[in-house]
C-alpha atoms as a PDB file:
ATOM      1  CA  MET A   1     -10.548   8.454  28.366  1.00  0.00           C
ATOM      2  CA  GLY A   2      -7.008   8.990  30.637  1.00  0.00           C
ATOM      3  CA  ARG A   3      -3.459  10.190  29.766  1.00  0.00           C
ATOM      4  CA  ALA A   4      -2.218   6.561  31.121  1.00  0.00           C
ATOM      5  CA  PHE A   5      -4.614   4.560  28.526  1.00  0.00           C
ATOM      6  CA  LEU A   6      -3.586   6.554  25.480  1.00  0.00           C
ATOM      7  CA  GLN A   7       0.101   6.410  26.307  1.00  0.00           C
ATOM      8  CA  ALA A   8      -0.332   2.358  26.657  1.00  0.00           C
ATOM      9  CA  THR A   9      -2.471   2.354  23.417  1.00  0.00           C
ATOM     10  CA  SER A  10       0.400   4.906  21.539  1.00  0.00           C
ATOM     11  CA  LEU A  11       2.973   1.880  22.912  1.00  0.00           C
ATOM     12  CA  LEU A  12       1.003  -1.212  21.799  1.00  0.00           C
ATOM     13  CA  LEU A  13       0.164   0.916  18.123  1.00  0.00           C
ATOM     14  CA  LEU A  14       4.439   1.216  17.660  1.00  0.00           C
ATOM     15  CA  SER A  15       4.839  -2.547  18.276  1.00  0.00           C
ATOM     16  CA  LEU A  16       1.735  -3.349  15.887  1.00  0.00           C
ATOM     17  CA  LEU A  17       3.737  -1.283  13.141  1.00  0.00           C
ATOM     18  CA  THR A  18       6.637  -2.382  13.792  1.00  0.00           C
ATOM     19  CA  LEU A  19       6.101  -6.148  13.456  1.00  0.00           C
ATOM     20  CA  VAL A  20       3.922  -5.032  10.269  1.00  0.00           C
ATOM     21  CA  PRO A  21       5.332  -2.165   8.489  1.00  0.00           C
ATOM     22  CA  ALA A  22       3.605  -2.504   5.774  1.00  0.00           C
ATOM     23  CA  GLY A  23       0.457  -2.076   6.952  1.00  0.00           C
ATOM     24  CA  CYS A  24      -1.179  -5.084   5.115  1.00  0.00           C
ATOM     25  CA  SER A  25      -0.329  -8.242   3.078  1.00  0.00           C
ATOM     26  CA  ALA A  26      -1.335  -6.037  -0.045  1.00  0.00           C
ATOM     27  CA  LEU A  27       1.385  -3.812   0.017  1.00  0.00           C
ATOM     28  CA  SER A  28       3.810  -6.395   0.328  1.00  0.00           C
ATOM     29  CA  ALA A  29       2.609  -8.343  -2.751  1.00  0.00           C
ATOM     30  CA  ALA A  30       3.074  -5.312  -4.543  1.00  0.00           C
ATOM     31  CA  ALA A  31       6.710  -4.612  -3.537  1.00  0.00           C
ATOM     32  CA  ALA A  32       7.719  -7.778  -3.971  1.00  0.00           C
ATOM     33  CA  GLY A  33       5.799  -8.095  -7.553  1.00  0.00           C
ATOM     34  CA  ILE A  34       4.122 -11.445  -7.376  1.00  0.00           C
ATOM     35  CA  ALA A  35       3.527 -13.044 -10.647  1.00  0.00           C
ATOM     36  CA  GLY A  36      -0.185 -12.526 -12.075  1.00  0.00           C
ATOM     37  CA  THR A  37      -1.199  -9.756  -9.303  1.00  0.00           C
ATOM     38  CA  SER A  38      -3.164  -6.627 -10.767  1.00  0.00           C
ATOM     39  CA  VAL A  39      -1.870  -3.418  -9.591  1.00  0.00           C
ATOM     40  CA  VAL A  40      -2.842  -0.093  -8.932  1.00  0.00           C
ATOM     41  CA  LYS A  41      -0.264   2.614  -9.145  1.00  0.00           C
ATOM     42  CA  PRO A  42       0.898   5.737  -6.763  1.00  0.00           C
ATOM     43  CA  VAL A  43      -1.166   8.949  -7.200  1.00  0.00           C
ATOM     44  CA  TYR A  44       2.118  10.979  -6.474  1.00  0.00           C
ATOM     45  CA  PRO A  45       4.012  11.628  -8.581  1.00  0.00           C
ATOM     46  CA  ALA A  46       1.152  12.049 -11.343  1.00  0.00           C
ATOM     47  CA  PRO A  47       1.760   9.257 -13.865  1.00  0.00           C
ATOM     48  CA  GLY A  48       4.051  10.290 -17.157  1.00  0.00           C
ATOM     49  CA  SER A  49       5.312  13.418 -14.759  1.00  0.00           C
ATOM     50  CA  SER A  50       9.083  13.912 -14.974  1.00  0.00           C
ATOM     51  CA  ASP A  51       9.163  14.454 -10.962  1.00  0.00           C
ATOM     52  CA  PRO A  52      10.930  12.377  -9.540  1.00  0.00           C
ATOM     53  CA  GLY A  53       8.487  11.941  -6.190  1.00  0.00           C
ATOM     54  CA  PHE A  54      10.676  10.233  -3.274  1.00  0.00           C
ATOM     55  CA  LYS A  55      13.124   8.848  -5.515  1.00  0.00           C
ATOM     56  CA  GLY A  56      16.577   9.622  -4.210  1.00  0.00           C
ATOM     57  CA  GLN A  57      14.877  12.312  -1.852  1.00  0.00           C
ATOM     58  CA  SER A  58      15.045  12.624   2.021  1.00  0.00           C
ATOM     59  CA  ILE A  59      12.001  12.156   3.318  1.00  0.00           C
ATOM     60  CA  ALA A  60      10.066  13.914   7.057  1.00  0.00           C
ATOM     61  CA  VAL A  61       6.960  12.770   8.110  1.00  0.00           C
ATOM     62  CA  MET A  62       4.630  15.373  10.239  1.00  0.00           C
ATOM     63  CA  ALA A  63       0.588  15.529  11.440  1.00  0.00           C
ATOM     64  CA  TRP A  64      -1.483  18.210  12.928  1.00  0.00           C
ATOM     65  CA  ALA A  65      -4.942  17.578  15.080  1.00  0.00           C
ATOM     66  CA  ASP A  66      -6.621  20.998  16.454  1.00  0.00           C
ATOM     67  CA  ASP A  67      -6.449  21.366  20.658  1.00  0.00           C
ATOM     68  CA  SER A  68     -10.102  18.937  20.727  1.00  0.00           C
ATOM     69  CA  LEU A  69      -8.727  16.228  19.751  1.00  0.00           C
ATOM     70  CA  ARG A  70      -5.092  16.505  20.546  1.00  0.00           C
ATOM     71  CA  PHE A  71      -7.115  16.894  24.275  1.00  0.00           C
ATOM     72  CA  GLU A  72      -8.863  13.807  23.932  1.00  0.00           C
ATOM     73  CA  HIS A  73      -6.442  11.677  21.986  1.00  0.00           C
ATOM     74  CA  ASN A  74      -2.976  12.809  23.466  1.00  0.00           C
ATOM     75  CA  MET A  75      -0.966  10.806  21.066  1.00  0.00           C
ATOM     76  CA  LEU A  76      -2.758  10.620  17.753  1.00  0.00           C
ATOM     77  CA  ILE A  77       0.068  13.033  16.095  1.00  0.00           C
ATOM     78  CA  MET A  78       2.614  11.112  17.140  1.00  0.00           C
ATOM     79  CA  ASP A  79       1.106   7.962  16.295  1.00  0.00           C
ATOM     80  CA  LEU A  80      -0.039   9.218  12.781  1.00  0.00           C
ATOM     81  CA  THR A  81       3.618  10.569  12.211  1.00  0.00           C
ATOM     82  CA  ARG A  82       5.305   7.019  13.198  1.00  0.00           C
ATOM     83  CA  GLY A  83       2.731   4.943  11.408  1.00  0.00           C
ATOM     84  CA  VAL A  84       3.421   6.302   7.915  1.00  0.00           C
ATOM     85  CA  SER A  85       6.902   6.534   8.545  1.00  0.00           C
ATOM     86  CA  GLN A  86       7.287   3.500   9.421  1.00  0.00           C
ATOM     87  CA  LYS A  87       4.693   2.141   6.380  1.00  0.00           C
ATOM     88  CA  LEU A  88       6.913   3.693   3.968  1.00  0.00           C
ATOM     89  CA  GLN A  89      10.578   2.381   5.256  1.00  0.00           C
ATOM     90  CA  GLY A  90       8.853  -1.218   5.312  1.00  0.00           C
ATOM     91  CA  SER A  91       7.376  -0.844   1.927  1.00  0.00           C
ATOM     92  CA  GLN A  92      11.173   0.794   0.917  1.00  0.00           C
ATOM     93  CA  ALA A  93      12.551  -3.000   2.689  1.00  0.00           C
ATOM     94  CA  ARG A  94      10.985  -4.730  -0.038  1.00  0.00           C
ATOM     95  CA  LYS A  95      12.461  -2.869  -2.827  1.00  0.00           C
ATOM     96  CA  ALA A  96       9.287  -0.355  -3.756  1.00  0.00           C
ATOM     97  CA  GLU A  97      10.217   1.140  -6.902  1.00  0.00           C
ATOM     98  CA  GLU A  98       8.976   4.458  -5.738  1.00  0.00           C
ATOM     99  CA  LEU A  99      11.133   4.784  -2.817  1.00  0.00           C
ATOM    100  CA  VAL A 100      14.338   4.001  -4.785  1.00  0.00           C
ATOM    101  CA  GLY A 101      17.042   5.782  -2.818  1.00  0.00           C
ATOM    102  CA  ALA A 102      14.838   7.668  -0.445  1.00  0.00           C
ATOM    103  CA  THR A 103      16.311   8.464   2.763  1.00  0.00           C
ATOM    104  CA  PHE A 104      14.752   9.604   6.676  1.00  0.00           C
ATOM    105  CA  PRO A 105      17.062  11.249   8.243  1.00  0.00           C
ATOM    106  CA  ARG A 106      17.321  10.798  11.903  1.00  0.00           C
ATOM    107  CA  ASP A 107      17.201  14.093  13.142  1.00  0.00           C
ATOM    108  CA  ARG A 108      14.265  14.320  11.531  1.00  0.00           C
ATOM    109  CA  SER A 109      12.661  10.686  12.887  1.00  0.00           C
ATOM    110  CA  PRO A 110       8.563  11.093  14.408  1.00  0.00           C
ATOM    111  CA  ASP A 111      10.055  11.621  17.728  1.00  0.00           C
ATOM    112  CA  ALA A 112      12.358  14.624  16.542  1.00  0.00           C
ATOM    113  CA  MET A 113       9.070  16.026  14.341  1.00  0.00           C
ATOM    114  CA  TYR A 114       7.011  15.821  17.754  1.00  0.00           C
ATOM    115  CA  ALA A 115       9.618  17.506  19.613  1.00  0.00           C
ATOM    116  CA  PHE A 116      10.192  20.686  16.889  1.00  0.00           C
ATOM    117  CA  GLN A 117       6.055  21.101  17.434  1.00  0.00           C
ATOM    118  CA  LYS A 118       5.811  20.900  20.854  1.00  0.00           C
ATOM    119  CA  ASN A 119       8.610  23.650  21.129  1.00  0.00           C
ATOM    120  CA  TYR A 120       7.232  26.088  18.774  1.00  0.00           C
ATOM    121  CA  PRO A 121       3.631  25.120  18.857  1.00  0.00           C
ATOM    122  CA  GLU A 122       3.095  29.411  17.331  1.00  0.00           C
ATOM    123  CA  LEU A 123       4.400  27.940  14.066  1.00  0.00           C
ATOM    124  CA  ALA A 124       1.157  25.889  13.850  1.00  0.00           C
ATOM    125  CA  ALA A 125      -0.828  28.556  12.538  1.00  0.00           C
ATOM    126  CA  ASP A 126       2.085  29.350   9.813  1.00  0.00           C
ATOM    127  CA  PRO A 127       1.433  27.890   5.893  1.00  0.00           C
ATOM    128  CA  ILE A 128       3.454  24.524   6.012  1.00  0.00           C
ATOM    129  CA  VAL A 129       5.076  25.540   2.638  1.00  0.00           C
ATOM    130  CA  GLU A 130       6.576  28.027   4.975  1.00  0.00           C
ATOM    131  CA  ILE A 131       7.677  25.726   7.621  1.00  0.00           C
ATOM    132  CA  ALA A 132       8.985  22.951   5.365  1.00  0.00           C
ATOM    133  CA  PRO A 133      12.267  24.409   4.379  1.00  0.00           C
ATOM    134  CA  ARG A 134      13.459  24.415   8.163  1.00  0.00           C
ATOM    135  CA  PHE A 135      13.636  20.741   8.163  1.00  0.00           C
ATOM    136  CA  GLY A 136      16.610  19.994   5.588  1.00  0.00           C
ATOM    137  CA  VAL A 137      14.802  17.713   3.784  1.00  0.00           C
ATOM    138  CA  THR A 138      13.696  17.495  -0.043  1.00  0.00           C
ATOM    139  CA  ARG A 139       9.608  16.512   0.830  1.00  0.00           C
ATOM    140  CA  LEU A 140       8.011  16.943   3.515  1.00  0.00           C
ATOM    141  CA  ILE A 141       4.749  14.575   3.859  1.00  0.00           C
ATOM    142  CA  TYR A 142       1.959  16.265   6.372  1.00  0.00           C
ATOM    143  CA  ILE A 143      -1.159  15.243   7.573  1.00  0.00           C
ATOM    144  CA  GLU A 144      -4.327  17.342   8.999  1.00  0.00           C
ATOM    145  CA  VAL A 145      -6.200  15.654  10.924  1.00  0.00           C
ATOM    146  CA  ALA A 146     -10.101  17.042  10.497  1.00  0.00           C
ATOM    147  CA  SER A 147     -11.890  14.057  12.032  1.00  0.00           C
ATOM    148  CA  PHE A 148     -11.147  11.441  14.257  1.00  0.00           C
ATOM    149  CA  ASP A 149     -14.043   9.149  15.866  1.00  0.00           C
ATOM    150  CA  LEU A 150     -14.091   5.679  17.752  1.00  0.00           C
ATOM    151  CA  HIS A 151     -17.950   5.296  17.449  1.00  0.00           C
ATOM    152  CA  SER A 152     -20.440   6.276  15.034  1.00  0.00           C
ATOM    153  CA  GLY A 153     -22.468   8.703  17.416  1.00  0.00           C
ATOM    154  CA  SER A 154     -26.234   6.831  16.857  1.00  0.00           C
ATOM    155  CA  VAL A 155     -25.262   3.868  19.008  1.00  0.00           C
ATOM    156  CA  VAL A 156     -22.594   4.476  21.570  1.00  0.00           C
ATOM    157  CA  ASP A 157     -22.283   1.082  22.541  1.00  0.00           C
ATOM    158  CA  LEU A 158     -21.258   0.048  18.931  1.00  0.00           C
ATOM    159  CA  SER A 159     -17.681   0.776  17.364  1.00  0.00           C
ATOM    160  CA  ARG A 160     -16.591   2.540  14.431  1.00  0.00           C
ATOM    161  CA  GLY A 161     -13.556   4.213  14.362  1.00  0.00           C
ATOM    162  CA  SER A 162     -13.392   7.037  10.942  1.00  0.00           C
ATOM    163  CA  LEU A 163     -10.514   8.885  11.028  1.00  0.00           C
ATOM    164  CA  ILE A 164     -10.262  11.654   8.093  1.00  0.00           C
ATOM    165  CA  ALA A 165      -7.323  13.745   6.878  1.00  0.00           C
ATOM    166  CA  THR A 166      -5.418  16.527   4.387  1.00  0.00           C
ATOM    167  CA  VAL A 167      -2.400  14.812   3.086  1.00  0.00           C
ATOM    168  CA  THR A 168       0.030  17.190   1.737  1.00  0.00           C
ATOM    169  CA  VAL A 169       3.413  16.463   0.000  1.00  0.00           C
ATOM    170  CA  VAL A 170       6.031  19.848   0.112  1.00  0.00           C
ATOM    171  CA  GLU A 171       8.937  19.325  -2.582  1.00  0.00           C
ATOM    172  CA  VAL A 172      11.503  21.427  -1.068  1.00  0.00           C
ATOM    173  CA  ALA A 173      14.088  22.879  -3.182  1.00  0.00           C
ATOM    174  CA  ASN A 174      16.539  26.150  -3.057  1.00  0.00           C
ATOM    175  CA  GLY A 175      15.115  26.651  -0.149  1.00  0.00           C
ATOM    176  CA  LYS A 176      11.883  26.918  -1.283  1.00  0.00           C
ATOM    177  CA  GLY A 177       8.874  24.517  -0.696  1.00  0.00           C
ATOM    178  CA  LYS A 178       6.293  23.744  -2.884  1.00  0.00           C
ATOM    179  CA  ILE A 179       2.806  21.880  -2.498  1.00  0.00           C
ATOM    180  CA  ALA A 180       2.984  18.887  -5.354  1.00  0.00           C
ATOM    181  CA  PHE A 181       0.593  16.727  -3.871  1.00  0.00           C
ATOM    182  CA  ASN A 182      -2.914  17.372  -1.997  1.00  0.00           C
ATOM    183  CA  SER A 183      -5.543  14.687  -1.216  1.00  0.00           C
ATOM    184  CA  THR A 184      -8.123  13.783   1.596  1.00  0.00           C
ATOM    185  CA  VAL A 185      -7.427  10.401   2.549  1.00  0.00           C
ATOM    186  CA  ASP A 186      -9.630   8.844   5.106  1.00  0.00           C
ATOM    187  CA  ALA A 187     -10.003   5.236   6.583  1.00  0.00           C
ATOM    188  CA  THR A 188     -12.973   2.699   8.847  1.00  0.00           C
ATOM    189  CA  PHE A 189     -12.159   0.058  11.182  1.00  0.00           C
ATOM    190  CA  PRO A 190     -13.732  -2.348  11.267  1.00  0.00           C
ATOM    191  CA  GLU A 191     -13.586  -2.278   7.056  1.00  0.00           C
ATOM    192  CA  HIS A 192     -16.830  -2.229   5.431  1.00  0.00           C
ATOM    193  CA  SER A 193     -18.395  -2.281   9.016  1.00  0.00           C
ATOM    194  CA  PRO A 194     -22.055  -0.915   8.966  1.00  0.00           C
ATOM    195  CA  GLU A 195     -22.480   2.812   9.828  1.00  0.00           C
ATOM    196  CA  GLU A 196     -23.928   2.554  13.054  1.00  0.00           C
ATOM    197  CA  GLY A 197     -20.388   0.286  13.893  1.00  0.00           C
ATOM    198  CA  VAL A 198     -19.853  -3.617  15.292  1.00  0.00           C
ATOM    199  CA  PRO A 199     -19.864  -4.868  19.492  1.00  0.00           C
ATOM    200  CA  ASN A 200     -17.101  -6.933  21.194  1.00  0.00           C
ATOM    201  CA  LEU A 201     -14.844  -4.085  20.020  1.00  0.00           C
ATOM    202  CA  THR A 202     -12.653  -1.859  22.969  1.00  0.00           C
ATOM    203  CA  ASP A 203     -11.776   1.440  22.514  1.00  0.00           C
ATOM    204  CA  GLN A 204      -7.869   0.731  22.014  1.00  0.00           C
ATOM    205  CA  GLN A 205      -9.141  -2.227  20.002  1.00  0.00           C
ATOM    206  CA  THR A 206     -10.586   0.510  17.943  1.00  0.00           C
ATOM    207  CA  TYR A 207      -8.032   3.114  18.118  1.00  0.00           C
ATOM    208  CA  ILE A 208      -5.355   0.784  16.965  1.00  0.00           C
ATOM    209  CA  GLY A 209      -7.551  -0.114  13.912  1.00  0.00           C
ATOM    210  CA  THR A 210      -8.071   3.024  12.853  1.00  0.00           C
ATOM    211  CA  VAL A 211      -4.782   4.308  12.769  1.00  0.00           C
ATOM    212  CA  ASP A 212      -3.080   1.654  11.235  1.00  0.00           C
ATOM    213  CA  GLN A 213      -5.696   1.710   8.488  1.00  0.00           C
ATOM    214  CA  PHE A 214      -5.620   5.256   7.575  1.00  0.00           C
ATOM    215  CA  CYS A 215      -1.461   5.370   8.073  1.00  0.00           C
ATOM    216  CA  THR A 216      -2.336   2.006   5.240  1.00  0.00           C
ATOM    217  CA  ASN A 217      -4.571   4.155   3.013  1.00  0.00           C
ATOM    218  CA  VAL A 218      -1.747   7.248   3.102  1.00  0.00           C
ATOM    219  CA  VAL A 219       1.188   5.113   2.027  1.00  0.00           C
ATOM    220  CA  LYS A 220      -1.080   3.812  -0.819  1.00  0.00           C
ATOM    221  CA  LYS A 221      -0.990   6.794  -2.533  1.00  0.00           C
ATOM    222  CA  PHE A 222       2.436   6.918  -3.144  1.00  0.00           C
ATOM    223  CA  VAL A 223       3.646   3.256  -3.694  1.00  0.00           C
ATOM    224  CA  THR A 224       2.191   0.522  -6.065  1.00  0.00           C
ATOM    225  CA  TYR A 225      -0.081  -2.003  -4.780  1.00  0.00           C
ATOM    226  CA  PRO A 226      -2.307  -5.067  -5.426  1.00  0.00           C
ATOM    227  CA  GLY A 227      -6.063  -3.955  -7.016  1.00  0.00           C
ATOM    228  CA  GLU A 228      -8.961  -5.549  -5.615  1.00  0.00           C
ATOM    229  CA  GLU A 229      -9.402  -9.053  -8.001  1.00  0.00           C
END
């Protein structure tokens, strides 16, 4: 898979995320407070906690993947960082209660966070709780990719995207970081597809769909969304 293809994929993904920043109609419906819709509450902050979560906080997003994944998908960590950041801001624009007063500093934009990682690769081995205070934000969402595939492996001619990652929220106060949330998040594209995959999907379509679905699943950890009827 060539670099030019992956860069084109990243640009296409960015355009799709810009057009649909909430990721799905479910997040939009919850943020709009549609009457009669059952809702699922976020798991961060913990229900009943006095922790403000993201309310009134400054937020940055960072992603990481090992060398083999970044070699195969060289824009993956940028696309994940952009995707989650844009979907959070889209939910905030639709009045998500959990993001009232939150800010997304320009100097800690996805581009800036990606540049930091490129400039300081040696810090990849350091605990994220120690790195987070360097960014000057009070909340860092850190995504550590465990696996990413576009095919199930059993039938190479069929497509089934899969992404599994650990998502951590580091809260920063007085120059110290604290892990406040840590969970495994996964995504499959197409959703509910058979394990062997489906025909008639290109690698580009599968990449875009899988990353987009994963970013939506991350945001669902943090904002209210409608449950299944």
